[in-house]
N, C-alpha and C. Protein backbone atom coordinates (compact mmCIF):
# COMPACT_ATOMS: atom_id res chain seq x y z
N UNK A 1 -118.17 -80.48 82.57
CA UNK A 1 -119.42 -80.90 82.34
C UNK A 1 -119.19 -81.76 83.02
N UNK A 2 -120.60 -82.44 84.11
CA UNK A 2 -120.32 -83.27 85.05
C UNK A 2 -120.85 -84.91 84.63
N UNK A 3 -119.93 -85.89 84.86
CA UNK A 3 -120.41 -87.08 84.26
C UNK A 3 -121.84 -87.72 84.68
N UNK A 4 -122.19 -88.19 84.09
CA UNK A 4 -123.45 -89.25 84.17
C UNK A 4 -123.68 -90.29 85.22
N UNK A 5 -124.48 -90.04 86.24
CA UNK A 5 -124.11 -90.97 87.26
C UNK A 5 -125.69 -91.84 87.12
N UNK A 6 -126.14 -92.98 87.56
CA UNK A 6 -127.39 -93.43 87.38
C UNK A 6 -127.94 -93.16 88.38
N UNK A 7 -127.53 -92.76 89.22
CA UNK A 7 -127.89 -92.70 90.86
C UNK A 7 -128.04 -91.40 91.72
N UNK A 8 -127.56 -90.35 90.10
CA UNK A 8 -127.24 -88.97 90.70
C UNK A 8 -128.18 -88.24 91.34
N UNK A 9 -128.31 -87.66 92.86
CA UNK A 9 -129.32 -87.58 93.69
C UNK A 9 -129.35 -85.75 92.91
N UNK A 10 -128.82 -85.25 92.19
CA UNK A 10 -129.08 -83.85 91.67
C UNK A 10 -130.20 -84.17 90.26
N UNK A 11 -131.22 -82.83 90.51
CA UNK A 11 -132.37 -83.36 89.63
C UNK A 11 -132.11 -83.11 88.33
N UNK A 12 -130.73 -82.90 87.93
CA UNK A 12 -130.43 -82.79 86.27
C UNK A 12 -128.69 -83.11 86.16
N UNK A 13 -128.76 -84.00 84.83
CA UNK A 13 -126.79 -84.16 84.97
C UNK A 13 -126.61 -84.27 83.75
N UNK A 14 -125.39 -83.73 83.38
CA UNK A 14 -125.19 -84.65 81.83
C UNK A 14 -124.05 -85.26 81.42
N UNK A 15 -123.76 -86.13 80.42
CA UNK A 15 -122.76 -86.40 79.81
C UNK A 15 -122.78 -86.10 78.22
N UNK A 16 -121.30 -86.27 77.44
CA UNK A 16 -121.52 -85.56 76.17
C UNK A 16 -120.11 -86.02 76.21
N UNK A 17 -119.77 -86.47 74.52
CA UNK A 17 -118.78 -86.72 73.88
C UNK A 17 -118.80 -86.50 72.05
N UNK A 18 -117.50 -86.29 72.35
CA UNK A 18 -117.51 -86.46 70.48
C UNK A 18 -116.59 -87.47 70.09
N UNK A 19 -116.58 -88.13 68.79
CA UNK A 19 -116.26 -89.16 68.47
C UNK A 19 -115.95 -89.13 67.27
N UNK A 20 -114.70 -88.61 66.59
CA UNK A 20 -114.85 -87.62 65.34
C UNK A 20 -115.82 -86.79 65.12
N UNK A 21 -116.61 -87.05 64.09
CA UNK A 21 -117.95 -85.51 64.12
C UNK A 21 -118.96 -86.20 64.57
N UNK A 22 -119.49 -87.08 65.31
CA UNK A 22 -120.43 -88.06 65.93
C UNK A 22 -120.59 -87.58 67.30
N UNK A 23 -121.81 -87.11 67.77
CA UNK A 23 -121.89 -86.63 69.07
C UNK A 23 -122.46 -87.79 69.84
N UNK A 24 -122.57 -87.89 70.64
CA UNK A 24 -123.08 -88.46 72.09
C UNK A 24 -123.20 -87.59 73.10
N UNK A 25 -124.36 -87.80 73.85
CA UNK A 25 -125.10 -87.07 75.28
C UNK A 25 -125.78 -87.94 75.64
N UNK A 26 -125.81 -87.89 76.88
CA UNK A 26 -127.06 -88.03 77.85
C UNK A 26 -127.87 -86.60 78.67
N UNK A 27 -128.85 -86.19 78.85
CA UNK A 27 -129.19 -85.25 79.47
C UNK A 27 -130.60 -85.72 80.08
N UNK A 28 -130.09 -86.21 81.51
CA UNK A 28 -130.92 -86.80 82.31
C UNK A 28 -131.61 -85.44 83.54
N UNK A 29 -132.88 -85.93 83.67
CA UNK A 29 -133.67 -84.73 84.97
C UNK A 29 -134.80 -85.73 85.40
N UNK A 30 -134.82 -85.64 86.52
CA UNK A 30 -135.15 -86.37 87.75
C UNK A 30 -136.37 -84.90 87.79
N UNK A 31 -137.92 -85.31 88.03
CA UNK A 31 -139.15 -84.73 88.37
C UNK A 31 -139.56 -85.50 89.13
N UNK A 32 -139.58 -84.70 90.38
CA UNK A 32 -140.80 -85.14 91.85
C UNK A 32 -141.78 -84.54 91.87
N UNK A 33 -142.84 -85.71 91.75
CA UNK A 33 -144.04 -85.27 91.85
C UNK A 33 -144.65 -85.19 90.25
N UNK A 34 -144.33 -85.85 89.27
CA UNK A 34 -144.39 -86.10 88.11
C UNK A 34 -144.96 -87.67 88.41
N UNK A 35 -145.47 -87.90 87.15
CA UNK A 35 -146.09 -89.06 86.43
C UNK A 35 -145.78 -89.16 85.42
N UNK A 36 -145.79 -90.50 84.81
CA UNK A 36 -144.81 -91.51 83.58
C UNK A 36 -146.08 -90.96 82.49
N UNK A 37 -147.01 -90.44 82.96
CA UNK A 37 -148.31 -90.77 81.75
C UNK A 37 -148.05 -88.88 81.27
N UNK A 38 -147.59 -88.19 82.31
CA UNK A 38 -147.65 -86.72 82.70
C UNK A 38 -146.43 -86.14 81.30
N UNK A 39 -145.27 -87.04 82.34
CA UNK A 39 -144.09 -86.96 80.54
C UNK A 39 -144.18 -87.36 79.81
N UNK A 40 -144.93 -88.72 79.18
CA UNK A 40 -145.35 -89.27 77.97
C UNK A 40 -146.02 -88.43 77.37
N UNK A 41 -146.92 -87.63 77.80
CA UNK A 41 -148.22 -86.82 77.20
C UNK A 41 -147.49 -85.28 76.48
N UNK A 42 -146.23 -85.29 77.30
CA UNK A 42 -145.87 -84.03 77.04
C UNK A 42 -144.50 -84.11 76.03
N UNK A 43 -143.91 -85.41 75.41
CA UNK A 43 -143.24 -85.65 74.97
C UNK A 43 -144.26 -85.73 73.15
N UNK A 44 -145.01 -86.90 73.39
CA UNK A 44 -146.00 -87.49 72.23
C UNK A 44 -147.22 -87.51 71.91
N UNK A 45 -148.09 -86.01 73.59
CA UNK A 45 -149.06 -85.93 72.73
C UNK A 45 -149.60 -84.05 72.30
N UNK A 46 -148.79 -83.57 72.73
CA UNK A 46 -149.19 -82.47 72.09
C UNK A 46 -147.46 -81.82 71.70
N UNK A 47 -147.77 -80.81 70.97
CA UNK A 47 -146.74 -79.76 70.63
C UNK A 47 -145.45 -79.29 71.75
N UNK A 48 -144.37 -79.56 71.31
CA UNK A 48 -143.43 -78.88 72.74
C UNK A 48 -143.59 -77.95 73.35
N UNK A 49 -144.17 -76.83 73.54
CA UNK A 49 -144.65 -75.30 73.61
C UNK A 49 -144.35 -75.28 75.22
N UNK A 50 -143.66 -76.82 75.80
CA UNK A 50 -142.96 -76.66 77.14
C UNK A 50 -141.73 -75.95 77.50
N UNK A 51 -141.13 -76.00 75.63
CA UNK A 51 -139.54 -75.75 75.26
C UNK A 51 -139.62 -74.20 75.70
N UNK A 52 -138.94 -73.56 76.38
CA UNK A 52 -139.36 -72.02 76.71
C UNK A 52 -137.97 -71.53 75.60
N UNK A 53 -138.14 -70.40 75.26
CA UNK A 53 -137.14 -69.64 74.45
C UNK A 53 -137.38 -70.81 72.75
N UNK A 54 -137.92 -71.42 72.43
CA UNK A 54 -138.04 -72.36 71.43
C UNK A 54 -139.22 -71.73 70.43
N UNK A 55 -139.27 -72.65 69.23
CA UNK A 55 -140.61 -72.59 68.22
C UNK A 55 -140.61 -74.23 67.51
N UNK A 56 -141.98 -74.76 68.02
CA UNK A 56 -142.65 -76.34 67.39
C UNK A 56 -143.18 -75.54 66.06
N UNK A 57 -142.65 -76.34 64.69
CA UNK A 57 -143.70 -76.41 63.63
C UNK A 57 -143.91 -77.31 63.11
N UNK A 58 -144.93 -77.77 62.43
CA UNK A 58 -145.31 -78.31 61.46
C UNK A 58 -145.63 -79.71 62.49
N UNK A 59 -145.91 -79.13 63.48
CA UNK A 59 -146.62 -80.90 64.45
C UNK A 59 -147.56 -82.08 64.09
N UNK A 60 -146.86 -83.21 63.85
CA UNK A 60 -147.54 -84.22 63.22
C UNK A 60 -148.13 -85.13 64.17
N UNK A 61 -149.05 -85.94 64.29
CA UNK A 61 -149.35 -87.73 65.10
C UNK A 61 -149.63 -87.99 63.58
N UNK A 62 -148.68 -89.39 63.66
CA UNK A 62 -149.54 -90.42 62.47
C UNK A 62 -150.83 -90.95 63.11
N UNK A 63 -150.87 -91.93 62.27
CA UNK A 63 -152.51 -93.05 62.53
C UNK A 63 -151.83 -93.82 63.86
N UNK A 64 -150.24 -94.88 63.46
CA UNK A 64 -149.18 -95.27 64.17
C UNK A 64 -149.34 -94.93 65.19
N UNK A 65 -149.22 -93.69 66.06
CA UNK A 65 -148.46 -92.84 66.96
C UNK A 65 -147.30 -92.18 66.65
N UNK A 66 -146.45 -91.83 65.68
CA UNK A 66 -145.30 -91.58 65.12
C UNK A 66 -145.85 -90.51 65.64
N UNK A 67 -144.87 -89.41 66.10
CA UNK A 67 -144.64 -88.00 65.78
C UNK A 67 -143.74 -87.56 65.40
N UNK A 68 -144.27 -86.05 64.55
CA UNK A 68 -142.88 -85.62 63.69
C UNK A 68 -143.38 -84.15 64.05
N UNK A 69 -142.03 -83.43 63.84
CA UNK A 69 -142.01 -82.17 64.21
C UNK A 69 -141.04 -81.46 64.01
N UNK A 70 -141.00 -80.18 63.55
CA UNK A 70 -139.47 -79.54 63.61
C UNK A 70 -139.15 -78.21 65.01
N UNK A 71 -138.34 -78.38 65.62
CA UNK A 71 -138.21 -77.92 66.78
C UNK A 71 -136.67 -77.04 66.42
N UNK A 72 -137.17 -75.73 66.77
CA UNK A 72 -135.83 -74.28 66.77
C UNK A 72 -135.84 -74.71 68.23
N UNK A 73 -134.51 -74.55 68.97
CA UNK A 73 -134.52 -74.57 70.21
C UNK A 73 -134.19 -73.24 70.61
N UNK A 74 -133.65 -72.53 69.73
CA UNK A 74 -132.80 -71.04 69.91
C UNK A 74 -134.05 -69.89 69.30
N UNK A 75 -135.11 -70.08 69.35
CA UNK A 75 -136.26 -68.95 68.10
C UNK A 75 -135.28 -67.65 68.08
N UNK A 76 -135.29 -67.37 67.07
CA UNK A 76 -134.74 -65.92 66.57
C UNK A 76 -133.20 -65.75 67.12
N UNK A 77 -132.75 -66.52 67.84
CA UNK A 77 -131.36 -65.99 67.91
C UNK A 77 -130.74 -66.99 67.08
N UNK A 78 -131.00 -67.61 66.39
CA UNK A 78 -130.41 -69.19 65.79
C UNK A 78 -130.44 -69.56 64.46
N UNK A 79 -130.40 -70.35 64.23
CA UNK A 79 -130.90 -70.79 62.81
C UNK A 79 -131.14 -71.82 62.75
N UNK A 80 -130.25 -72.71 63.85
CA UNK A 80 -130.57 -74.20 64.36
C UNK A 80 -131.84 -75.03 64.29
N UNK A 81 -132.26 -75.82 63.98
CA UNK A 81 -133.55 -76.40 63.97
C UNK A 81 -133.34 -77.93 63.56
N UNK A 82 -134.13 -78.36 64.46
CA UNK A 82 -133.79 -79.81 64.70
C UNK A 82 -135.23 -80.72 64.30
N UNK A 83 -134.81 -82.11 63.16
CA UNK A 83 -136.33 -82.49 62.50
C UNK A 83 -136.05 -83.19 64.06
N UNK A 84 -137.58 -84.02 64.57
CA UNK A 84 -137.51 -85.20 65.07
C UNK A 84 -138.91 -85.69 65.08
N UNK A 85 -138.95 -87.27 65.16
CA UNK A 85 -139.40 -88.14 64.99
C UNK A 85 -139.66 -89.21 65.70
N UNK A 86 -140.35 -89.44 66.74
CA UNK A 86 -140.60 -90.30 67.75
C UNK A 86 -141.51 -90.91 67.73
N UNK A 87 -140.94 -92.43 67.22
CA UNK A 87 -141.74 -93.90 67.75
C UNK A 87 -142.32 -94.18 68.74
N UNK A 88 -143.80 -94.94 68.61
CA UNK A 88 -144.32 -95.45 69.81
C UNK A 88 -143.63 -95.51 70.95
N UNK A 89 -144.10 -95.14 72.15
CA UNK A 89 -143.10 -96.12 73.73
C UNK A 89 -142.66 -97.91 73.77
N UNK A 90 -141.94 -98.06 73.75
CA UNK A 90 -142.02 -99.63 74.01
C UNK A 90 -141.76 -99.64 75.58
N UNK A 91 -142.09 -100.88 76.02
CA UNK A 91 -142.15 -100.36 77.91
C UNK A 91 -140.58 -101.69 77.98
N UNK A 92 -139.73 -101.13 78.77
CA UNK A 92 -138.80 -101.95 78.89
C UNK A 92 -138.55 -102.26 80.66
N UNK A 93 -137.39 -102.57 81.28
CA UNK A 93 -137.25 -102.34 82.60
C UNK A 93 -136.02 -102.03 82.83
N UNK A 94 -135.34 -101.73 83.76
CA UNK A 94 -134.27 -100.73 83.96
C UNK A 94 -133.47 -101.41 85.29
N UNK A 95 -132.38 -102.36 85.06
CA UNK A 95 -132.11 -102.85 86.73
C UNK A 95 -130.56 -102.25 86.25
N UNK A 96 -130.76 -101.77 87.82
CA UNK A 96 -129.14 -101.41 88.46
C UNK A 96 -128.38 -102.49 88.67
N UNK A 97 -127.02 -102.03 89.08
CA UNK A 97 -126.10 -102.80 89.52
C UNK A 97 -126.33 -103.87 90.45
N UNK A 98 -127.38 -102.91 91.78
CA UNK A 98 -127.85 -103.30 93.08
C UNK A 98 -129.33 -104.63 93.02
N UNK A 99 -129.19 -104.37 91.47
CA UNK A 99 -130.46 -105.53 91.28
C UNK A 99 -131.93 -104.80 91.00
N UNK A 100 -131.59 -104.09 91.42
CA UNK A 100 -133.37 -102.96 92.14
C UNK A 100 -133.64 -102.66 89.71
N UNK A 101 -135.00 -102.98 89.91
CA UNK A 101 -135.86 -103.05 88.63
C UNK A 101 -136.73 -101.65 89.04
N UNK A 102 -136.93 -101.07 87.68
CA UNK A 102 -137.47 -100.03 87.65
C UNK A 102 -138.59 -100.09 86.24
N UNK A 103 -139.78 -100.17 86.50
CA UNK A 103 -140.52 -100.08 84.92
C UNK A 103 -139.60 -98.43 83.90
N UNK A 104 -139.80 -98.65 82.71
CA UNK A 104 -139.33 -97.59 81.91
C UNK A 104 -139.99 -97.98 79.95
N UNK A 105 -140.01 -96.35 80.21
CA UNK A 105 -140.95 -96.58 78.79
C UNK A 105 -139.24 -95.60 77.57
N UNK A 106 -139.33 -96.64 76.13
CA UNK A 106 -138.55 -96.30 75.76
C UNK A 106 -138.81 -95.36 74.41
N UNK A 107 -138.77 -94.23 74.37
CA UNK A 107 -139.42 -93.63 72.88
C UNK A 107 -138.25 -93.55 71.72
N UNK A 108 -137.72 -94.10 70.72
CA UNK A 108 -137.26 -94.20 70.32
C UNK A 108 -137.14 -92.74 68.60
N UNK A 109 -136.25 -92.59 68.80
CA UNK A 109 -136.40 -91.27 68.46
C UNK A 109 -135.12 -91.00 66.99
N UNK A 110 -135.57 -90.22 65.73
CA UNK A 110 -134.61 -89.96 64.77
C UNK A 110 -134.45 -89.03 64.90
N UNK A 111 -133.59 -87.81 64.55
CA UNK A 111 -132.86 -86.54 64.31
C UNK A 111 -132.70 -86.28 62.84
N UNK A 112 -133.13 -84.81 62.10
CA UNK A 112 -132.93 -84.41 60.76
C UNK A 112 -132.60 -83.29 61.05
N UNK A 113 -132.46 -82.76 59.63
CA UNK A 113 -132.07 -81.58 59.28
C UNK A 113 -130.83 -80.87 59.80
N UNK A 114 -130.79 -79.76 60.84
CA UNK A 114 -129.68 -79.86 61.61
C UNK A 114 -128.78 -80.34 61.82
N UNK A 115 -129.30 -81.54 62.50
CA UNK A 115 -128.88 -82.89 63.29
C UNK A 115 -129.11 -83.92 62.47
N UNK A 116 -128.61 -84.96 62.34
CA UNK A 116 -128.69 -86.33 61.64
C UNK A 116 -128.20 -87.41 62.45
N UNK A 117 -129.52 -87.90 62.92
CA UNK A 117 -128.70 -89.87 63.69
C UNK A 117 -130.30 -89.59 64.88
N UNK A 118 -129.93 -91.07 65.40
CA UNK A 118 -130.62 -91.67 66.10
C UNK A 118 -130.61 -91.07 67.64
N UNK A 119 -131.53 -91.64 68.13
CA UNK A 119 -131.49 -90.81 69.72
C UNK A 119 -132.58 -91.88 70.27
N UNK A 120 -133.15 -91.69 71.49
CA UNK A 120 -134.40 -91.54 72.40
C UNK A 120 -134.26 -91.23 73.83
N UNK A 121 -135.28 -91.01 74.21
CA UNK A 121 -135.92 -90.33 75.03
C UNK A 121 -136.50 -91.90 76.03
N UNK A 122 -136.19 -91.74 77.59
CA UNK A 122 -136.14 -93.10 78.31
C UNK A 122 -136.98 -92.00 79.33
N UNK A 123 -137.73 -92.86 79.78
CA UNK A 123 -138.45 -92.40 81.11
C UNK A 123 -138.91 -93.64 81.75
N UNK A 124 -138.37 -93.30 83.10
CA UNK A 124 -138.08 -94.28 84.23
C UNK A 124 -138.67 -94.08 85.45
N UNK A 125 -140.09 -94.52 85.88
CA UNK A 125 -140.72 -95.01 87.17
C UNK A 125 -139.73 -95.28 88.34
N UNK A 126 -139.09 -93.82 88.93
CA UNK A 126 -138.54 -94.60 90.66
C UNK A 126 -138.99 -94.41 91.63
N UNK A 127 -138.70 -94.30 92.65
CA UNK A 127 -139.12 -94.18 93.58
C UNK A 127 -138.94 -92.79 94.15
N UNK A 128 -138.00 -92.56 93.87
CA UNK A 128 -137.75 -90.92 93.67
C UNK A 128 -137.74 -89.53 92.90
N UNK A 129 -138.58 -90.24 92.21
CA UNK A 129 -139.30 -89.45 91.19
C UNK A 129 -139.15 -89.83 89.41
N UNK A 130 -139.95 -89.57 88.63
CA UNK A 130 -139.67 -89.57 87.39
C UNK A 130 -138.52 -89.26 86.68
N UNK A 131 -137.65 -90.03 85.80
CA UNK A 131 -136.40 -89.76 85.46
C UNK A 131 -136.34 -89.88 83.72
N UNK A 132 -136.13 -88.55 83.10
CA UNK A 132 -136.32 -88.50 81.62
C UNK A 132 -134.32 -88.14 81.54
N UNK A 133 -134.55 -88.72 80.59
CA UNK A 133 -133.32 -89.64 79.78
C UNK A 133 -133.83 -88.59 78.07
N UNK A 134 -132.65 -87.70 77.68
CA UNK A 134 -132.82 -87.69 76.37
C UNK A 134 -131.40 -87.94 75.82
N UNK A 135 -131.31 -88.74 74.61
CA UNK A 135 -130.20 -89.24 74.46
C UNK A 135 -130.04 -88.87 72.92
N UNK A 136 -128.69 -88.66 72.68
CA UNK A 136 -128.09 -88.16 71.15
C UNK A 136 -126.97 -89.62 71.10
N UNK A 137 -127.49 -90.55 69.79
CA UNK A 137 -126.54 -91.87 70.30
C UNK A 137 -125.69 -91.78 68.51
N UNK A 138 -124.93 -90.95 68.47
CA UNK A 138 -124.28 -90.59 67.38
C UNK A 138 -124.63 -89.81 66.42
N UNK A 139 -125.20 -89.03 66.55
CA UNK A 139 -125.89 -87.55 66.00
C UNK A 139 -124.81 -86.50 65.30
N UNK A 140 -124.57 -86.07 64.20
CA UNK A 140 -123.45 -85.79 62.96
C UNK A 140 -124.84 -84.42 62.76
N UNK A 141 -123.67 -83.44 63.05
CA UNK A 141 -124.11 -81.65 62.61
C UNK A 141 -124.09 -81.46 60.82
N UNK A 142 -124.86 -80.89 60.60
CA UNK A 142 -125.04 -80.85 58.72
C UNK A 142 -125.22 -79.67 59.01
N UNK A 143 -125.69 -78.92 57.33
CA UNK A 143 -126.11 -78.20 56.73
C UNK A 143 -124.82 -77.09 57.63
N UNK A 144 -124.95 -75.70 57.31
CA UNK A 144 -124.12 -74.77 58.01
C UNK A 144 -123.78 -74.72 59.56
N UNK A 145 -124.21 -76.31 60.38
CA UNK A 145 -124.03 -76.54 61.48
C UNK A 145 -122.39 -77.01 61.35
N UNK A 146 -121.91 -77.25 60.37
CA UNK A 146 -121.06 -78.20 60.20
C UNK A 146 -119.56 -77.35 59.55
N UNK A 147 -120.49 -75.92 59.77
CA UNK A 147 -119.22 -74.80 59.49
C UNK A 147 -118.78 -74.25 61.01
N UNK A 148 -119.90 -75.20 62.61
CA UNK A 148 -118.96 -74.74 63.56
C UNK A 148 -118.67 -75.75 63.72
N UNK A 149 -117.41 -75.16 65.33
CA UNK A 149 -116.36 -76.06 65.60
C UNK A 149 -117.76 -77.50 66.35
N UNK A 150 -117.08 -78.64 66.30
CA UNK A 150 -117.40 -79.65 66.80
C UNK A 150 -117.90 -79.41 68.69
N UNK A 151 -116.89 -79.14 69.07
CA UNK A 151 -117.09 -78.81 70.40
C UNK A 151 -117.62 -77.65 70.67
N UNK A 152 -117.94 -77.11 70.29
CA UNK A 152 -118.77 -75.66 70.64
C UNK A 152 -120.12 -75.96 70.36
N UNK A 153 -120.41 -76.69 68.49
CA UNK A 153 -121.99 -77.34 68.84
C UNK A 153 -122.74 -78.33 69.96
N UNK A 154 -121.81 -79.28 70.23
CA UNK A 154 -122.06 -80.28 71.24
C UNK A 154 -122.08 -78.95 72.59
N UNK A 155 -121.51 -78.16 73.27
CA UNK A 155 -121.59 -77.19 73.89
C UNK A 155 -122.83 -76.56 74.16
N UNK A 156 -123.15 -76.02 72.76
CA UNK A 156 -124.65 -75.48 72.56
C UNK A 156 -125.72 -76.26 72.66
N UNK A 157 -125.51 -77.58 72.53
CA UNK A 157 -126.67 -78.66 72.20
C UNK A 157 -127.28 -79.01 73.50
N UNK A 158 -126.19 -78.87 74.94
CA UNK A 158 -126.25 -79.85 75.89
C UNK A 158 -126.85 -78.46 76.88
N UNK A 159 -126.16 -77.58 76.54
CA UNK A 159 -127.15 -76.13 77.07
C UNK A 159 -128.07 -75.82 76.78
N UNK A 160 -128.86 -75.84 75.87
CA UNK A 160 -130.05 -75.47 75.65
C UNK A 160 -130.88 -76.62 76.32
N UNK A 161 -130.60 -78.15 75.54
CA UNK A 161 -131.17 -78.82 76.75
C UNK A 161 -131.78 -78.54 78.59
N UNK A 162 -130.38 -78.16 78.99
CA UNK A 162 -130.34 -78.56 80.25
C UNK A 162 -131.03 -76.29 80.40
N UNK A 163 -131.20 -76.16 79.40
CA UNK A 163 -131.41 -74.34 80.16
C UNK A 163 -130.49 -73.31 80.84
N UNK A 164 -129.28 -73.79 80.01
CA UNK A 164 -128.12 -72.88 80.70
C UNK A 164 -127.32 -71.57 79.92
N UNK A 165 -127.80 -71.53 78.88
CA UNK A 165 -127.52 -70.94 77.94
C UNK A 165 -126.68 -69.70 78.09
N UNK A 166 -125.91 -68.73 77.46
CA UNK A 166 -125.30 -67.26 78.01
C UNK A 166 -126.15 -66.45 76.60
N UNK A 167 -125.91 -65.46 77.61
CA UNK A 167 -126.61 -64.08 75.88
C UNK A 167 -125.42 -64.50 75.00
N UNK A 168 -125.97 -64.13 73.86
CA UNK A 168 -127.51 -63.82 73.18
C UNK A 168 -128.49 -64.64 73.75
N UNK A 169 -127.97 -66.10 73.81
CA UNK A 169 -129.39 -66.95 73.77
C UNK A 169 -130.16 -66.89 75.05
N UNK A 170 -131.42 -67.82 74.77
CA UNK A 170 -132.52 -67.02 75.77
C UNK A 170 -132.09 -68.83 76.99
N UNK A 171 -132.38 -67.97 78.31
CA UNK A 171 -131.92 -69.38 78.96
C UNK A 171 -133.26 -70.18 79.62
N UNK A 172 -133.73 -70.89 80.71
CA UNK A 172 -134.88 -71.45 80.57
C UNK A 172 -134.75 -72.53 79.19
N UNK A 173 -134.45 -72.69 78.37
CA UNK A 173 -134.91 -73.86 77.75
C UNK A 173 -134.79 -74.84 77.72
N UNK A 174 -135.10 -76.14 76.95
CA UNK A 174 -135.21 -77.39 77.06
C UNK A 174 -135.83 -78.14 78.12
N UNK A 175 -135.38 -79.34 78.63
CA UNK A 175 -136.06 -80.32 79.90
C UNK A 175 -136.65 -79.57 81.48
N UNK A 176 -135.76 -78.45 81.30
CA UNK A 176 -135.98 -78.17 82.93
C UNK A 176 -137.34 -77.62 83.35
N UNK A 177 -138.18 -77.28 81.94
CA UNK A 177 -140.04 -76.37 81.89
C UNK A 177 -140.72 -77.72 81.76
N UNK A 178 -140.37 -79.03 81.77
CA UNK A 178 -141.23 -79.89 80.92
C UNK A 178 -142.21 -80.06 82.11
N UNK A 179 -141.26 -80.22 83.45
CA UNK A 179 -141.82 -80.60 84.44
C UNK A 179 -143.45 -79.98 85.71
């Protein structure tokens, strides 16, 4: 698996590691021709039907802007499900080591069901395209997922996000389809 580089010209990159039974991942996609608003809307304004090969249940947007739903990332081929709660986005600035600054929206996330823990989505407005980062920030596998080896679960997670799962799982899942 390729290590994440902040200025990686590849439109998709990932970094992942285990710390005991905690998973830390960063999946980064660069979308040329997209807007911050389009990516924000895809994450927060409607069910994630762009997640090919999966299913979304119980999508709800609360009056305070919080969004809750259940994502079955590999519908019909895996019983794994991910509860996702997204808080309203927060404006921030991302500054590179070269001193460049770019506007960024941070969408705090909390995961539950077969994965439990914190995370976030970051949408960065860069001159070469919009960058979306999906972050597991110390997420634990729960339920039947604990029966599977942690390294295997971590591998399935990052491959599902990038859309590169192999048979019998569906290909084209994840953030590749959002643009």
